[in-house]
C-alpha cells in the first residue's frame, strides 16, 4: 500500500511540473493555507515542507491526503500552497 501511495505522490509531483501548468491563483493559495491550518494542524504540528527532500515530501503528502480524507480539489489547493512554500524556501524567500 505504501508503494502505491508513493507512486501517487510522484505522479502528482510530475503532474504539477508539466508544461503549461498555470501558477496557482491567490484564492487557491489562500484555500491551501486555510486547509493547512484546519486539516493538518488539527492532528499535528505544522511541518516545514522545505525540511524534506522531494521524495520524502511526496510520500508524506500522498499518505496524509488519505488520512485527512482530502478531496482531490482540497488536495490540489493544499499541495499548491505547500509547494509554493517549498519553492520560496528554495529561493531563500520567506515562508
PDB file of N, CA and C in Angstrom:
ATOM      1  N   UNK A   1       0.819  -1.195   0.000  1.00  0.00           N
ATOM      2  CA  UNK A   1       0.000   0.000   0.000  1.00  0.00           C
ATOM      3  C   UNK A   1       0.863   1.259   0.000  1.00  0.00           C
ATOM      4  N   UNK A   2       1.954   1.253   0.800  1.00  0.00           N
ATOM      5  CA  UNK A   2       2.805   2.440   0.841  1.00  0.00           C
ATOM      6  C   UNK A   2       3.470   2.687  -0.507  1.00  0.00           C
ATOM      7  N   UNK A   3       3.751   1.609  -1.244  1.00  0.00           N
ATOM      8  CA  UNK A   3       4.333   1.766  -2.575  1.00  0.00           C
ATOM      9  C   UNK A   3       3.351   2.473  -3.508  1.00  0.00           C
ATOM     10  N   UNK A   4       2.083   2.113  -3.407  1.00  0.00           N
ATOM     11  CA  UNK A   4       1.048   2.755  -4.226  1.00  0.00           C
ATOM     12  C   UNK A   4       0.962   4.234  -3.877  1.00  0.00           C
ATOM     13  N   UNK A   5       0.952   4.545  -2.585  1.00  0.00           N
ATOM     14  CA  UNK A   5       0.882   5.945  -2.167  1.00  0.00           C
ATOM     15  C   UNK A   5       2.110   6.713  -2.629  1.00  0.00           C
ATOM     16  N   UNK A   6       3.259   6.080  -2.581  1.00  0.00           N
ATOM     17  CA  UNK A   6       4.490   6.717  -3.049  1.00  0.00           C
ATOM     18  C   UNK A   6       4.389   7.028  -4.541  1.00  0.00           C
ATOM     19  N   UNK A   7       3.892   6.088  -5.309  1.00  0.00           N
ATOM     20  CA  UNK A   7       3.731   6.292  -6.760  1.00  0.00           C
ATOM     21  C   UNK A   7       2.741   7.414  -7.032  1.00  0.00           C
ATOM     22  N   UNK A   8       1.656   7.461  -6.264  1.00  0.00           N
ATOM     23  CA  UNK A   8       0.682   8.540  -6.421  1.00  0.00           C
ATOM     24  C   UNK A   8       1.345   9.884  -6.142  1.00  0.00           C
ATOM     25  N   UNK A   9       2.155   9.944  -5.090  1.00  0.00           N
ATOM     26  CA  UNK A   9       2.844  11.190  -4.755  1.00  0.00           C
ATOM     27  C   UNK A   9       3.779  11.647  -5.854  1.00  0.00           C
ATOM     28  N   UNK A  10       4.524  10.711  -6.422  1.00  0.00           N
ATOM     29  CA  UNK A  10       5.438  11.046  -7.518  1.00  0.00           C
ATOM     30  C   UNK A  10       4.655  11.510  -8.737  1.00  0.00           C
ATOM     31  N   UNK A  11       3.578  10.806  -9.056  1.00  0.00           N
ATOM     32  CA  UNK A  11       2.759  11.198 -10.206  1.00  0.00           C
ATOM     33  C   UNK A  11       2.187  12.593 -10.014  1.00  0.00           C
ATOM     34  N   UNK A  12       1.782  12.907  -8.802  1.00  0.00           N
ATOM     35  CA  UNK A  12       1.249  14.237  -8.510  1.00  0.00           C
ATOM     36  C   UNK A  12       2.321  15.303  -8.699  1.00  0.00           C
ATOM     37  N   UNK A  13       3.516  15.009  -8.242  1.00  0.00           N
ATOM     38  CA  UNK A  13       4.607  15.969  -8.393  1.00  0.00           C
ATOM     39  C   UNK A  13       4.916  16.223  -9.856  1.00  0.00           C
ATOM     40  N   UNK A  14       4.984  15.154 -10.655  1.00  0.00           N
ATOM     41  CA  UNK A  14       5.250  15.331 -12.080  1.00  0.00           C
ATOM     42  C   UNK A  14       4.118  16.076 -12.770  1.00  0.00           C
ATOM     43  N   UNK A  15       2.895  15.804 -12.370  1.00  0.00           N
ATOM     44  CA  UNK A  15       1.753  16.492 -12.973  1.00  0.00           C
ATOM     45  C   UNK A  15       1.828  17.991 -12.705  1.00  0.00           C
ATOM     46  N   UNK A  16       2.267  18.360 -11.505  1.00  0.00           N
ATOM     47  CA  UNK A  16       2.349  19.786 -11.182  1.00  0.00           C
ATOM     48  C   UNK A  16       3.487  20.477 -11.923  1.00  0.00           C
ATOM     49  N   UNK A  17       4.446  19.706 -12.400  1.00  0.00           N
ATOM     50  CA  UNK A  17       5.574  20.276 -13.135  1.00  0.00           C
ATOM     51  C   UNK A  17       5.365  20.250 -14.648  1.00  0.00           C
ATOM     52  N   UNK A  18       4.229  19.746 -15.087  1.00  0.00           N
ATOM     53  CA  UNK A  18       4.005  19.588 -16.516  1.00  0.00           C
ATOM     54  C   UNK A  18       4.023  20.934 -17.227  1.00  0.00           C
ATOM     55  N   UNK A  19       4.415  20.887 -18.476  1.00  0.00           N
ATOM     56  CA  UNK A  19       4.497  22.111 -19.287  1.00  0.00           C
ATOM     57  C   UNK A  19       3.142  22.773 -19.350  1.00  0.00           C
ATOM     58  N   UNK A  20       3.145  24.076 -19.214  1.00  0.00           N
ATOM     59  CA  UNK A  20       1.908  24.833 -19.323  1.00  0.00           C
ATOM     60  C   UNK A  20       1.096  24.841 -18.039  1.00  0.00           C
ATOM     61  N   UNK A  21       1.612  24.263 -16.982  1.00  0.00           N
ATOM     62  CA  UNK A  21       0.881  24.278 -15.718  1.00  0.00           C
ATOM     63  C   UNK A  21       0.789  25.717 -15.233  1.00  0.00           C
ATOM     64  N   UNK A  22      -0.427  26.134 -14.947  1.00  0.00           N
ATOM     65  CA  UNK A  22      -0.659  27.511 -14.524  1.00  0.00           C
ATOM     66  C   UNK A  22      -0.201  27.700 -13.085  1.00  0.00           C
ATOM     67  N   UNK A  23       0.258  28.892 -12.791  1.00  0.00           N
ATOM     68  CA  UNK A  23       0.603  29.236 -11.415  1.00  0.00           C
ATOM     69  C   UNK A  23      -0.689  29.231 -10.604  1.00  0.00           C
ATOM     70  N   UNK A  24      -0.615  28.798  -9.360  1.00  0.00           N
ATOM     71  CA  UNK A  24      -1.827  28.802  -8.535  1.00  0.00           C
ATOM     72  C   UNK A  24      -2.306  30.229  -8.289  1.00  0.00           C
ATOM     73  N   UNK A  25      -3.607  30.391  -8.253  1.00  0.00           N
ATOM     74  CA  UNK A  25      -4.181  31.711  -8.004  1.00  0.00           C
ATOM     75  C   UNK A  25      -4.038  32.066  -6.531  1.00  0.00           C
ATOM     76  N   UNK A  26      -4.205  33.336  -6.241  1.00  0.00           N
ATOM     77  CA  UNK A  26      -4.165  33.802  -4.858  1.00  0.00           C
ATOM     78  C   UNK A  26      -5.253  33.113  -4.044  1.00  0.00           C
ATOM     79  N   UNK A  27      -6.425  32.925  -4.648  1.00  0.00           N
ATOM     80  CA  UNK A  27      -7.527  32.260  -3.946  1.00  0.00           C
ATOM     81  C   UNK A  27      -7.175  30.807  -3.643  1.00  0.00           C
ATOM     82  N   UNK A  28      -6.548  30.116  -4.595  1.00  0.00           N
ATOM     83  CA  UNK A  28      -6.165  28.724  -4.363  1.00  0.00           C
ATOM     84  C   UNK A  28      -5.123  28.622  -3.249  1.00  0.00           C
ATOM     85  N   UNK A  29      -4.166  29.543  -3.238  1.00  0.00           N
ATOM     86  CA  UNK A  29      -3.152  29.557  -2.186  1.00  0.00           C
ATOM     87  C   UNK A  29      -3.786  29.847  -0.821  1.00  0.00           C
ATOM     88  N   UNK A  30      -4.751  30.760  -0.791  1.00  0.00           N
ATOM     89  CA  UNK A  30      -5.444  31.071   0.464  1.00  0.00           C
ATOM     90  C   UNK A  30      -6.229  29.859   0.954  1.00  0.00           C
ATOM     91  N   UNK A  31      -6.870  29.155   0.029  1.00  0.00           N
ATOM     92  CA  UNK A  31      -7.597  27.939   0.389  1.00  0.00           C
ATOM     93  C   UNK A  31      -6.632  26.892   0.929  1.00  0.00           C
ATOM     94  N   UNK A  32      -5.487  26.750   0.279  1.00  0.00           N
ATOM     95  CA  UNK A  32      -4.474  25.808   0.740  1.00  0.00           C
ATOM     96  C   UNK A  32      -3.952  26.141   2.127  1.00  0.00           C
ATOM     97  N   UNK A  33      -3.722  27.419   2.387  1.00  0.00           N
ATOM     98  CA  UNK A  33      -3.249  27.847   3.709  1.00  0.00           C
ATOM     99  C   UNK A  33      -4.303  27.545   4.774  1.00  0.00           C
ATOM    100  N   UNK A  34      -5.553  27.792   4.430  1.00  0.00           N
ATOM    101  CA  UNK A  34      -6.648  27.517   5.363  1.00  0.00           C
ATOM    102  C   UNK A  34      -6.747  26.012   5.642  1.00  0.00           C
ATOM    103  N   UNK A  35      -6.639  25.198   4.613  1.00  0.00           N
ATOM    104  CA  UNK A  35      -6.668  23.747   4.788  1.00  0.00           C
ATOM    105  C   UNK A  35      -5.489  23.273   5.633  1.00  0.00           C
ATOM    106  N   UNK A  36      -4.338  23.887   5.436  1.00  0.00           N
ATOM    107  CA  UNK A  36      -3.150  23.525   6.208  1.00  0.00           C
ATOM    108  C   UNK A  36      -3.415  23.720   7.702  1.00  0.00           C
ATOM    109  N   UNK A  37      -4.039  24.838   8.027  1.00  0.00           N
ATOM    110  CA  UNK A  37      -4.347  25.108   9.440  1.00  0.00           C
ATOM    111  C   UNK A  37      -5.477  24.208   9.946  1.00  0.00           C
ATOM    112  N   UNK A  38      -6.509  24.016   9.147  1.00  0.00           N
ATOM    113  CA  UNK A  38      -7.697  23.287   9.600  1.00  0.00           C
ATOM    114  C   UNK A  38      -7.520  21.773   9.598  1.00  0.00           C
ATOM    115  N   UNK A  39      -6.891  21.238   8.571  1.00  0.00           N
ATOM    116  CA  UNK A  39      -6.777  19.782   8.447  1.00  0.00           C
ATOM    117  C   UNK A  39      -5.469  19.266   9.031  1.00  0.00           C
ATOM    118  N   UNK A  40      -4.365  19.901   8.709  1.00  0.00           N
ATOM    119  CA  UNK A  40      -3.055  19.388   9.118  1.00  0.00           C
ATOM    120  C   UNK A  40      -2.783  19.688  10.591  1.00  0.00           C
ATOM    121  N   UNK A  41      -2.965  20.946  10.979  1.00  0.00           N
ATOM    122  CA  UNK A  41      -2.661  21.351  12.355  1.00  0.00           C
ATOM    123  C   UNK A  41      -3.660  20.792  13.352  1.00  0.00           C
ATOM    124  N   UNK A  42      -4.753  20.270  12.859  1.00  0.00           N
ATOM    125  CA  UNK A  42      -5.749  19.651  13.739  1.00  0.00           C
ATOM    126  C   UNK A  42      -5.154  18.437  14.455  1.00  0.00           C
ATOM    127  N   UNK A  43      -4.245  17.740  13.785  1.00  0.00           N
ATOM    128  CA  UNK A  43      -3.700  16.491  14.332  1.00  0.00           C
ATOM    129  C   UNK A  43      -2.224  16.564  14.736  1.00  0.00           C
ATOM    130  N   UNK A  44      -1.478  17.475  14.152  1.00  0.00           N
ATOM    131  CA  UNK A  44      -0.045  17.529  14.467  1.00  0.00           C
ATOM    132  C   UNK A  44       0.489  18.923  14.196  1.00  0.00           C
ATOM    133  N   UNK A  45       1.720  19.170  14.659  1.00  0.00           N
ATOM    134  CA  UNK A  45       2.340  20.468  14.411  1.00  0.00           C
ATOM    135  C   UNK A  45       2.543  20.633  12.901  1.00  0.00           C
ATOM    136  N   UNK A  46       2.594  21.856  12.451  1.00  0.00           N
ATOM    137  CA  UNK A  46       2.812  22.116  11.036  1.00  0.00           C
ATOM    138  C   UNK A  46       4.286  21.923  10.721  1.00  0.00           C
ATOM    139  N   UNK A  47       4.547  21.069   9.772  1.00  0.00           N
ATOM    140  CA  UNK A  47       5.922  20.768   9.387  1.00  0.00           C
ATOM    141  C   UNK A  47       6.391  21.727   8.303  1.00  0.00           C
ATOM    142  N   UNK A  48       7.677  21.995   8.305  1.00  0.00           N
ATOM    143  CA  UNK A  48       8.294  22.834   7.285  1.00  0.00           C
ATOM    144  C   UNK A  48       8.467  21.993   6.027  1.00  0.00           C
ATOM    145  N   UNK A  49       7.736  22.288   4.962  1.00  0.00           N
ATOM    146  CA  UNK A  49       7.846  21.468   3.758  1.00  0.00           C
ATOM    147  C   UNK A  49       9.242  21.492   3.140  1.00  0.00           C
ATOM    148  N   UNK A  50      10.014  22.521   3.422  1.00  0.00           N
ATOM    149  CA  UNK A  50      11.361  22.623   2.860  1.00  0.00           C
ATOM    150  C   UNK A  50      12.362  21.743   3.615  1.00  0.00           C
ATOM    151  N   UNK A  51      11.945  21.194   4.750  1.00  0.00           N
ATOM    152  CA  UNK A  51      12.842  20.363   5.546  1.00  0.00           C
ATOM    153  C   UNK A  51      12.925  18.923   5.030  1.00  0.00           C
ATOM    154  N   UNK A  52      12.168  18.603   4.002  1.00  0.00           N
ATOM    155  CA  UNK A  52      12.114  17.253   3.454  1.00  0.00           C
ATOM    156  C   UNK A  52      12.606  17.254   2.017  1.00  0.00           C
ATOM    157  N   UNK A  53      13.292  16.181   1.632  1.00  0.00           N
ATOM    158  CA  UNK A  53      13.634  16.072   0.220  1.00  0.00           C
ATOM    159  C   UNK A  53      12.354  15.753  -0.551  1.00  0.00           C
ATOM    160  N   UNK A  54      12.399  15.924  -1.848  1.00  0.00           N
ATOM    161  CA  UNK A  54      11.199  15.795  -2.671  1.00  0.00           C
ATOM    162  C   UNK A  54      10.552  14.422  -2.543  1.00  0.00           C
ATOM    163  N   UNK A  55      11.357  13.370  -2.549  1.00  0.00           N
ATOM    164  CA  UNK A  55      10.796  12.023  -2.458  1.00  0.00           C
ATOM    165  C   UNK A  55      10.055  11.817  -1.137  1.00  0.00           C
ATOM    166  N   UNK A  56      10.669  12.235  -0.041  1.00  0.00           N
ATOM    167  CA  UNK A  56      10.032  12.079   1.263  1.00  0.00           C
ATOM    168  C   UNK A  56       8.769  12.930   1.354  1.00  0.00           C
ATOM    169  N   UNK A  57       8.848  14.155   0.868  1.00  0.00           N
ATOM    170  CA  UNK A  57       7.687  15.049   0.939  1.00  0.00           C
ATOM    171  C   UNK A  57       6.526  14.486   0.125  1.00  0.00           C
ATOM    172  N   UNK A  58       6.795  13.999  -1.066  1.00  0.00           N
ATOM    173  CA  UNK A  58       5.731  13.430  -1.896  1.00  0.00           C
ATOM    174  C   UNK A  58       5.097  12.220  -1.218  1.00  0.00           C
ATOM    175  N   UNK A  59       5.901  11.419  -0.579  1.00  0.00           N
ATOM    176  CA  UNK A  59       5.368  10.269   0.150  1.00  0.00           C
ATOM    177  C   UNK A  59       4.456  10.684   1.288  1.00  0.00           C
ATOM    178  N   UNK A  60       4.898  11.678   2.066  1.00  0.00           N
ATOM    179  CA  UNK A  60       4.066  12.157   3.167  1.00  0.00           C
ATOM    180  C   UNK A  60       2.779  12.798   2.665  1.00  0.00           C
ATOM    181  N   UNK A  61       2.877  13.558   1.596  1.00  0.00           N
ATOM    182  CA  UNK A  61       1.676  14.199   1.053  1.00  0.00           C
ATOM    183  C   UNK A  61       0.654  13.156   0.611  1.00  0.00           C
ATOM    184  N   UNK A  62       1.094  12.117  -0.061  1.00  0.00           N
ATOM    185  CA  UNK A  62       0.177  11.069  -0.510  1.00  0.00           C
ATOM    186  C   UNK A  62      -0.459  10.367   0.691  1.00  0.00           C
ATOM    187  N   UNK A  63       0.354  10.072   1.687  1.00  0.00           N
ATOM    188  CA  UNK A  63      -0.159   9.392   2.883  1.00  0.00           C
ATOM    189  C   UNK A  63      -1.176  10.268   3.617  1.00  0.00           C
ATOM    190  N   UNK A  64      -0.833  11.529   3.797  1.00  0.00           N
ATOM    191  CA  UNK A  64      -1.699  12.410   4.570  1.00  0.00           C
ATOM    192  C   UNK A  64      -2.973  12.797   3.815  1.00  0.00           C
ATOM    193  N   UNK A  65      -2.932  12.758   2.488  1.00  0.00           N
ATOM    194  CA  UNK A  65      -4.164  13.001   1.718  1.00  0.00           C
ATOM    195  C   UNK A  65      -5.213  11.982   2.132  1.00  0.00           C
ATOM    196  N   UNK A  66      -4.800  10.743   2.263  1.00  0.00           N
ATOM    197  CA  UNK A  66      -5.714   9.682   2.661  1.00  0.00           C
ATOM    198  C   UNK A  66      -6.157   9.848   4.116  1.00  0.00           C
ATOM    199  N   UNK A  67      -5.194  10.079   5.011  1.00  0.00           N
ATOM    200  CA  UNK A  67      -5.517  10.182   6.438  1.00  0.00           C
ATOM    201  C   UNK A  67      -6.435  11.365   6.734  1.00  0.00           C
ATOM    202  N   UNK A  68      -6.219  12.482   6.044  1.00  0.00           N
ATOM    203  CA  UNK A  68      -7.027  13.680   6.277  1.00  0.00           C
ATOM    204  C   UNK A  68      -8.329  13.658   5.485  1.00  0.00           C
ATOM    205  N   UNK A  69      -8.484  12.629   4.662  1.00  0.00           N
ATOM    206  CA  UNK A  69      -9.683  12.481   3.830  1.00  0.00           C
ATOM    207  C   UNK A  69      -9.933  13.720   2.974  1.00  0.00           C
ATOM    208  N   UNK A  70      -8.873  14.171   2.312  1.00  0.00           N
ATOM    209  CA  UNK A  70      -8.980  15.338   1.437  1.00  0.00           C
ATOM    210  C   UNK A  70      -9.585  14.938   0.100  1.00  0.00           C
ATOM    211  N   UNK A  71     -10.450  15.782  -0.411  1.00  0.00           N
ATOM    212  CA  UNK A  71     -10.940  15.587  -1.767  1.00  0.00           C
ATOM    213  C   UNK A  71      -9.805  15.924  -2.729  1.00  0.00           C
ATOM    214  N   UNK A  72      -9.958  15.566  -3.978  1.00  0.00           N
ATOM    215  CA  UNK A  72      -8.938  15.903  -4.964  1.00  0.00           C
ATOM    216  C   UNK A  72      -8.749  17.417  -5.058  1.00  0.00           C
ATOM    217  N   UNK A  73      -9.841  18.171  -4.990  1.00  0.00           N
ATOM    218  CA  UNK A  73      -9.751  19.631  -5.045  1.00  0.00           C
ATOM    219  C   UNK A  73      -9.041  20.214  -3.837  1.00  0.00           C
ATOM    220  N   UNK A  74      -9.368  19.700  -2.656  1.00  0.00           N
ATOM    221  CA  UNK A  74      -8.693  20.162  -1.442  1.00  0.00           C
ATOM    222  C   UNK A  74      -7.204  19.836  -1.500  1.00  0.00           C
ATOM    223  N   UNK A  75      -6.911  18.625  -1.946  1.00  0.00           N
ATOM    224  CA  UNK A  75      -5.512  18.208  -2.051  1.00  0.00           C
ATOM    225  C   UNK A  75      -4.754  19.109  -3.016  1.00  0.00           C
ATOM    226  N   UNK A  76      -5.375  19.441  -4.145  1.00  0.00           N
ATOM    227  CA  UNK A  76      -4.718  20.303  -5.133  1.00  0.00           C
ATOM    228  C   UNK A  76      -4.408  21.676  -4.541  1.00  0.00           C
ATOM    229  N   UNK A  77      -5.356  22.249  -3.803  1.00  0.00           N
ATOM    230  CA  UNK A  77      -5.141  23.561  -3.192  1.00  0.00           C
ATOM    231  C   UNK A  77      -4.070  23.492  -2.111  1.00  0.00           C
ATOM    232  N   UNK A  78      -4.148  22.470  -1.265  1.00  0.00           N
ATOM    233  CA  UNK A  78      -3.151  22.315  -0.213  1.00  0.00           C
ATOM    234  C   UNK A  78      -1.776  22.087  -0.812  1.00  0.00           C
ATOM    235  N   UNK A  79      -1.721  21.253  -1.831  1.00  0.00           N
ATOM    236  CA  UNK A  79      -0.441  20.958  -2.482  1.00  0.00           C
ATOM    237  C   UNK A  79       0.137  22.220  -3.133  1.00  0.00           C
ATOM    238  N   UNK A  80      -0.700  23.020  -3.787  1.00  0.00           N
ATOM    239  CA  UNK A  80      -0.230  24.256  -4.409  1.00  0.00           C
ATOM    240  C   UNK A  80       0.354  25.193  -3.353  1.00  0.00           C
ATOM    241  N   UNK A  81      -0.328  25.303  -2.227  1.00  0.00           N
ATOM    242  CA  UNK A  81       0.150  26.172  -1.154  1.00  0.00           C
ATOM    243  C   UNK A  81       1.488  25.671  -0.603  1.00  0.00           C
ATOM    244  N   UNK A  82       1.546  24.388  -0.251  1.00  0.00           N
ATOM    245  CA  UNK A  82       2.774  23.854   0.337  1.00  0.00           C
ATOM    246  C   UNK A  82       3.921  23.846  -0.666  1.00  0.00           C
ATOM    247  N   UNK A  83       3.639  23.569  -1.930  1.00  0.00           N
ATOM    248  CA  UNK A  83       4.686  23.631  -2.950  1.00  0.00           C
ATOM    249  C   UNK A  83       5.207  25.055  -3.111  1.00  0.00           C
ATOM    250  N   UNK A  84       4.320  26.050  -2.963  1.00  0.00           N
ATOM    251  CA  UNK A  84       4.779  27.443  -3.043  1.00  0.00           C
ATOM    252  C   UNK A  84       5.691  27.771  -1.870  1.00  0.00           C
ATOM    253  N   UNK A  85       5.420  27.183  -0.704  1.00  0.00           N
ATOM    254  CA  UNK A  85       6.269  27.383   0.465  1.00  0.00           C
ATOM    255  C   UNK A  85       7.635  26.739   0.253  1.00  0.00           C
ATOM    256  N   UNK A  86       7.651  25.541  -0.340  1.00  0.00           N
ATOM    257  CA  UNK A  86       8.912  24.866  -0.648  1.00  0.00           C
ATOM    258  C   UNK A  86       9.727  25.686  -1.651  1.00  0.00           C
ATOM    259  N   UNK A  87       9.060  26.209  -2.667  1.00  0.00           N
ATOM    260  CA  UNK A  87       9.737  26.989  -3.694  1.00  0.00           C
ATOM    261  C   UNK A  87      10.307  28.283  -3.097  1.00  0.00           C
ATOM    262  N   UNK A  88       9.549  28.937  -2.235  1.00  0.00           N
ATOM    263  CA  UNK A  88      10.027  30.168  -1.602  1.00  0.00           C
ATOM    264  C   UNK A  88      11.261  29.892  -0.748  1.00  0.00           C
ATOM    265  N   UNK A  89      11.233  28.788  -0.026  1.00  0.00           N
ATOM    266  CA  UNK A  89      12.379  28.432   0.809  1.00  0.00           C
ATOM    267  C   UNK A  89      13.598  28.122  -0.056  1.00  0.00           C
ATOM    268  N   UNK A  90      13.382  27.461  -1.183  1.00  0.00           N
ATOM    269  CA  UNK A  90      14.488  27.129  -2.077  1.00  0.00           C
ATOM    270  C   UNK A  90      15.121  28.384  -2.674  1.00  0.00           C
ATOM    271  N   UNK A  91      14.292  29.412  -2.882  1.00  0.00           N
ATOM    272  CA  UNK A  91      14.793  30.684  -3.411  1.00  0.00           C
ATOM    273  C   UNK A  91      15.384  31.551  -2.317  1.00  0.00           C
ATOM    274  N   UNK A  92      15.235  31.112  -1.062  1.00  0.00           N
ATOM    275  CA  UNK A  92      15.746  31.906   0.050  1.00  0.00           C
ATOM    276  C   UNK A  92      14.754  32.941   0.523  1.00  0.00           C
ATOM    277  N   UNK A  93      13.512  32.821   0.076  1.00  0.00           N
ATOM    278  CA  UNK A  93      12.472  33.763   0.483  1.00  0.00           C
ATOM    279  C   UNK A  93      11.843  33.374   1.795  1.00  0.00           C
ATOM    280  N   UNK A  94      10.881  34.149   2.210  1.00  0.00           N
ATOM    281  CA  UNK A  94      10.190  33.860   3.443  1.00  0.00           C
ATOM    282  C   UNK A  94       9.150  32.800   3.196  1.00  0.00           C
ATOM    283  N   UNK A  95       8.820  32.111   4.271  1.00  0.00           N
ATOM    284  CA  UNK A  95       7.820  31.046   4.162  1.00  0.00           C
ATOM    285  C   UNK A  95       6.484  31.533   4.618  1.00  0.00           C
TER     286      UNK A  95
END
